[in-house]
Amino acid sequence: MVRTSQSGLARMGDSVKLQTAMLFVSDLDRMADFYTRIMGFTPINRTADWIGLHTGECRLALHVIPPEHRATSTGAPREQAPLRLDFGVADVDGEAARLEALGVQIITRSWGATDILDPEGNILGLRPLPSASAARPALSSSFIQPFVPAKDFDLSKRFYLALDFKLRFEAEKIAGFDHESGAFLLQDYYVKEWAENFMMSWGVRDLDTWFRNVEALDLPGRFGVRAPTPPKLQPWGLVISYLVDPSGVLWHVSQRPDAKA
């Protein structure tokens, strides 16, 4: 489900983060073994031709190349590949030594960078994680909260309370809600075009259980909203249920990659 702006162009929101990087492979079993056993990434889900891996803030997906498009992989370095993956590590030299002991080929660049090869020749960079001391204090933040529109302020408050959001405070035309690590400000202000192009993302621990519980709340009967959609795997590799609030705000509800780890 994609929202469009008044101009008709797809609207990605004010903050876009890379969520999944997909690597097309010839031998899924061999590559899955490398990225799980050698690299240490946690598998999230798998089908016959696809596996999702939890790598931190971004997920890595391995997808089998269809036979008709598959070329023989020699394992030689793909120096001219149009895209490469870099992984942040706390100790580049230590991680390189660990991987080399496991038989991984290490490439030391003339400019000082350290790269490795996966079994199909993809070049992976090992890069130092930024230290906390390198952060710019002037740009640090403790929280960010979006302002969510409400056509009927009281109705919207009851809607979010039904979803187990906690009402932390209420002032003139503003209500502060939170749910574990997330929070937003509900405001008694509504512009149809804005509200119907407004989206929120909500990560839950167990999406199937969440959906059953929310379905039992009878949101359409109580609040006049559309029924939430059943969880479905999207082309970008995330399972999502869509929920619309009484003002038309679209929530993308997904299961966090590390939820059941």
Protein backbone atom coordinates (compact mmCIF):
# COMPACT_ATOMS: atom_id res chain seq x y z
CA MET A 1 0.00 0.00 0.00
CA VAL A 2 1.65 3.21 -1.23
CA ARG A 3 0.47 6.73 -0.44
CA THR A 4 0.78 9.47 -3.03
CA SER A 5 1.03 13.19 -2.58
CA GLN A 6 -1.29 15.70 -4.24
CA SER A 7 1.17 15.93 -7.13
CA GLY A 8 0.67 12.20 -7.75
CA LEU A 9 4.25 11.29 -6.91
CA ALA A 10 4.97 8.44 -4.50
CA ARG A 11 5.56 9.80 -1.01
CA MET A 12 8.35 8.16 1.00
CA GLY A 13 8.11 10.38 4.06
CA ASP A 14 10.50 12.84 5.63
CA SER A 15 12.88 10.17 6.91
CA VAL A 16 13.94 7.23 4.76
CA LYS A 17 16.25 4.49 6.02
CA LEU A 18 17.73 1.55 4.16
CA GLN A 19 15.89 -1.44 5.54
CA THR A 20 16.97 -4.42 3.42
CA ALA A 21 19.91 -4.98 1.05
CA MET A 22 19.35 -7.90 -1.31
CA LEU A 23 22.21 -9.94 -2.75
CA PHE A 24 21.46 -12.25 -5.67
CA VAL A 25 23.34 -15.54 -5.43
CA SER A 26 23.93 -18.72 -7.43
CA ASP A 27 24.27 -21.18 -4.52
CA LEU A 28 21.86 -20.23 -1.73
CA ASP A 29 22.91 -22.99 0.69
CA ARG A 30 26.60 -22.18 0.40
CA MET A 31 26.06 -18.45 0.72
CA ALA A 32 23.61 -18.85 3.61
CA ASP A 33 26.21 -20.93 5.45
CA PHE A 34 28.85 -18.24 4.91
CA TYR A 35 26.69 -15.36 6.13
CA THR A 36 25.31 -17.25 9.14
CA ARG A 37 28.14 -19.54 10.31
CA ILE A 38 31.12 -17.41 9.23
CA MET A 39 29.77 -13.86 9.43
CA GLY A 40 27.52 -14.65 12.39
CA PHE A 41 24.27 -13.13 11.11
CA THR A 42 20.97 -14.46 12.45
CA PRO A 43 18.48 -15.92 9.94
CA ILE A 44 14.99 -14.42 10.22
CA ASN A 45 13.03 -16.45 7.71
CA ARG A 46 13.68 -18.61 4.67
CA THR A 47 11.94 -20.00 1.63
CA ALA A 48 13.24 -22.27 -1.13
CA ASP A 49 14.86 -19.36 -2.97
CA TRP A 50 15.25 -16.62 -0.35
CA ILE A 51 16.66 -16.06 3.14
CA GLY A 52 16.48 -12.96 5.33
CA LEU A 53 19.30 -12.20 7.78
CA HIS A 54 19.34 -9.85 10.75
CA THR A 55 22.52 -7.75 10.55
CA GLY A 56 21.66 -4.87 12.87
CA GLU A 57 19.67 -1.84 11.76
CA CYS A 58 19.53 -3.11 8.18
CA ARG A 59 18.63 -6.59 7.00
CA LEU A 60 20.49 -8.60 4.38
CA ALA A 61 18.52 -10.84 2.03
CA LEU A 62 19.99 -13.53 -0.19
CA HIS A 63 17.93 -14.43 -3.26
CA VAL A 64 18.61 -17.17 -5.79
CA ILE A 65 19.32 -15.98 -9.33
CA PRO A 66 16.85 -17.63 -11.73
CA PRO A 67 18.60 -20.40 -13.73
CA GLU A 68 18.03 -18.66 -17.05
CA HIS A 69 19.98 -15.61 -15.80
CA ARG A 70 22.64 -17.44 -13.80
CA ALA A 71 26.30 -17.26 -14.77
CA THR A 72 28.97 -19.57 -13.43
CA SER A 73 30.59 -18.05 -10.35
CA THR A 74 34.37 -18.53 -10.15
CA GLY A 75 34.71 -16.92 -6.73
CA ALA A 76 37.14 -14.36 -8.17
CA PRO A 77 36.87 -10.82 -6.72
CA ARG A 78 34.15 -8.81 -8.41
CA GLU A 79 36.12 -5.57 -8.45
CA GLN A 80 33.84 -3.99 -11.06
CA ALA A 81 30.54 -4.79 -9.36
CA PRO A 82 28.20 -1.75 -9.33
CA LEU A 83 27.34 -2.24 -5.66
CA ARG A 84 29.25 -3.45 -2.61
CA LEU A 85 28.47 -4.01 1.04
CA ASP A 86 30.45 -2.56 3.96
CA PHE A 87 30.05 -3.93 7.50
CA GLY A 88 30.91 -1.95 10.62
CA VAL A 89 32.98 -3.80 13.22
CA ALA A 90 34.45 -2.76 16.56
CA ASP A 91 37.92 -4.14 15.72
CA VAL A 92 38.80 -4.39 12.02
CA ASP A 93 42.13 -6.18 12.54
CA GLY A 94 40.65 -8.60 15.07
CA GLU A 95 37.68 -9.44 12.85
CA ALA A 96 39.93 -9.89 9.81
CA ALA A 97 42.13 -12.29 11.80
CA ARG A 98 39.06 -14.27 12.93
CA LEU A 99 37.71 -14.56 9.40
CA GLU A 100 41.10 -15.46 7.92
CA ALA A 101 41.41 -18.31 10.43
CA LEU A 102 38.08 -19.61 9.08
CA GLY A 103 39.43 -19.63 5.53
CA VAL A 104 38.03 -16.31 4.31
CA GLN A 105 40.18 -14.44 1.80
CA ILE A 106 41.36 -11.05 3.07
CA ILE A 107 42.20 -8.13 0.77
CA THR A 108 44.33 -5.35 2.23
CA ARG A 109 44.03 -2.22 0.10
CA SER A 110 46.92 0.12 -0.61
CA TRP A 111 44.97 2.95 1.02
CA GLY A 112 44.63 0.97 4.27
CA ALA A 113 41.11 -0.46 3.95
CA THR A 114 40.37 -4.11 4.68
CA ASP A 115 38.02 -6.12 2.47
CA ILE A 116 36.98 -9.78 2.38
CA LEU A 117 35.47 -12.09 -0.22
CA ASP A 118 32.36 -14.18 0.13
CA PRO A 119 32.19 -17.58 -1.65
CA GLU A 120 30.88 -16.04 -4.90
CA GLY A 121 33.47 -13.27 -5.09
CA ASN A 122 31.42 -10.40 -3.69
CA ILE A 123 33.70 -7.88 -1.99
CA LEU A 124 32.66 -6.98 1.55
CA GLY A 125 34.27 -4.12 3.40
CA LEU A 126 35.22 -4.25 7.07
CA ARG A 127 34.96 -0.71 8.42
CA PRO A 128 35.44 0.62 11.96
CA LEU A 129 32.30 1.62 13.80
CA PRO A 130 32.22 5.31 14.76
CA SER A 131 33.18 5.79 18.38
CA ALA A 132 30.83 7.50 20.82
CA SER A 133 33.43 10.23 21.33
CA ALA A 134 33.25 11.05 17.64
CA ALA A 135 29.59 12.04 17.88
CA ARG A 136 28.72 15.72 17.59
CA PRO A 137 27.07 16.70 20.91
CA ALA A 138 25.40 19.72 19.35
CA LEU A 139 23.41 17.40 17.06
CA SER A 140 22.59 14.71 19.61
CA SER A 141 18.99 14.06 20.63
CA SER A 142 17.11 12.20 23.34
CA PHE A 143 13.85 11.59 21.46
CA ILE A 144 11.88 12.48 18.33
CA GLN A 145 8.08 12.48 18.30
CA PRO A 146 5.83 13.09 15.28
CA PHE A 147 2.61 15.12 15.50
CA VAL A 148 -0.29 12.90 14.38
CA PRO A 149 -3.44 14.64 13.10
CA ALA A 150 -6.91 13.98 14.53
CA LYS A 151 -10.20 14.76 12.80
CA ASP A 152 -12.19 13.83 15.93
CA PHE A 153 -9.80 14.31 18.85
CA ASP A 154 -11.81 12.30 21.40
CA LEU A 155 -12.46 9.45 18.95
CA SER A 156 -8.78 9.22 18.05
CA LYS A 157 -7.80 9.18 21.73
CA ARG A 158 -10.16 6.27 22.39
CA PHE A 159 -8.83 4.48 19.31
CA TYR A 160 -5.22 4.59 20.49
CA LEU A 161 -6.16 3.67 24.04
CA ALA A 162 -7.92 0.60 22.64
CA LEU A 163 -4.65 -0.34 20.94
CA ASP A 164 -2.95 -0.26 24.36
CA PHE A 165 -1.13 3.03 23.85
CA LYS A 166 -0.65 4.89 27.13
CA LEU A 167 -1.92 8.45 27.50
CA ARG A 168 0.96 10.17 29.32
CA PHE A 169 -0.33 13.73 29.31
CA GLU A 170 -3.00 15.92 27.81
CA ALA A 171 -2.85 19.67 27.30
CA GLU A 172 -4.85 22.04 25.13
CA LYS A 173 -5.38 20.26 21.80
CA ILE A 174 -2.40 17.93 22.39
CA ALA A 175 -2.24 14.40 23.87
CA GLY A 176 1.00 12.53 24.40
CA PHE A 177 0.88 8.78 23.76
CA ASP A 178 3.57 6.15 24.09
CA HIS A 179 3.92 2.42 23.69
CA GLU A 180 7.10 0.92 25.11
CA SER A 181 9.96 2.54 23.14
CA GLY A 182 7.79 4.60 20.76
CA ALA A 183 5.81 7.82 21.27
CA PHE A 184 3.83 10.41 19.35
CA LEU A 185 1.81 13.57 19.94
CA LEU A 186 -1.84 13.48 18.90
CA GLN A 187 -3.06 16.93 17.96
CA ASP A 188 -6.57 18.30 17.60
CA TYR A 189 -5.87 19.51 14.08
CA TYR A 190 -6.94 18.05 10.75
CA VAL A 191 -6.38 18.70 7.07
CA LYS A 192 -7.77 15.88 4.92
CA GLU A 193 -5.02 15.88 2.29
CA TRP A 194 -2.33 15.90 4.96
CA ALA A 195 -3.89 13.23 7.19
CA GLU A 196 -4.53 10.85 4.31
CA ASN A 197 -0.89 11.14 3.21
CA PHE A 198 0.47 10.67 6.74
CA MET A 199 2.08 7.34 7.67
CA MET A 200 3.55 5.80 10.81
CA SER A 201 5.68 2.69 11.33
CA TRP A 202 5.14 0.36 14.31
CA GLY A 203 7.36 -2.62 15.08
CA VAL A 204 5.86 -5.39 17.21
CA ARG A 205 7.37 -8.54 18.71
CA ASP A 206 4.90 -11.06 17.23
CA LEU A 207 2.87 -9.77 14.30
CA ASP A 208 0.55 -12.78 14.02
CA THR A 209 -0.45 -12.52 17.68
CA TRP A 210 -0.79 -8.73 17.41
CA PHE A 211 -3.11 -9.11 14.42
CA ARG A 212 -5.34 -11.67 16.17
CA ASN A 213 -5.63 -9.44 19.23
CA VAL A 214 -6.38 -6.31 17.20
CA GLU A 215 -8.87 -8.15 14.99
CA ALA A 216 -10.76 -9.16 18.16
CA LEU A 217 -11.09 -5.47 19.13
CA ASP A 218 -13.63 -4.90 16.31
CA LEU A 219 -12.08 -1.57 15.34
CA PRO A 220 -14.43 -1.11 12.33
CA GLY A 221 -17.52 -1.50 14.53
CA ARG A 222 -16.23 0.69 17.36
CA PHE A 223 -14.45 3.44 15.44
CA GLY A 224 -15.70 3.26 11.84
CA VAL A 225 -12.28 2.43 10.39
CA ARG A 226 -11.23 -0.16 7.83
CA ALA A 227 -10.29 -3.56 9.20
CA PRO A 228 -6.54 -4.09 9.55
CA THR A 229 -5.09 -6.19 6.74
CA PRO A 230 -3.74 -9.67 7.52
CA PRO A 231 0.08 -9.85 7.75
CA LYS A 232 1.61 -10.29 4.31
CA LEU A 233 5.19 -10.59 3.05
CA GLN A 234 6.01 -7.52 0.96
CA PRO A 235 8.40 -7.51 -2.04
CA TRP A 236 11.05 -5.72 0.03
CA GLY A 237 11.23 -8.63 2.50
CA LEU A 238 9.18 -7.41 5.46
CA VAL A 239 5.88 -8.86 6.71
CA ILE A 240 3.39 -6.02 7.26
CA SER A 241 -0.17 -5.48 8.45
CA TYR A 242 -1.77 -2.16 7.49
CA LEU A 243 -3.90 -0.27 10.01
CA VAL A 244 -5.79 2.99 9.39
CA ASP A 245 -6.86 5.28 12.24
CA PRO A 246 -10.11 7.31 12.35
CA SER A 247 -8.44 10.28 10.63
CA GLY A 248 -7.00 8.25 7.74
CA VAL A 249 -3.44 7.95 9.10
CA LEU A 250 -1.86 4.78 7.74
CA TRP A 251 0.17 2.61 10.13
CA HIS A 252 2.66 0.06 8.78
CA VAL A 253 2.78 -2.61 11.50
CA SER A 254 5.66 -5.07 11.13
CA GLN A 255 7.53 -7.60 13.18
CA ARG A 256 10.94 -6.44 14.32
CA PRO A 257 13.78 -8.52 12.81
CA ASP A 258 15.18 -9.41 16.24
CA ALA A 259 11.80 -9.88 17.94
CA LYS A 260 11.99 -13.65 18.44
CA ALA A 261 15.75 -13.98 18.68
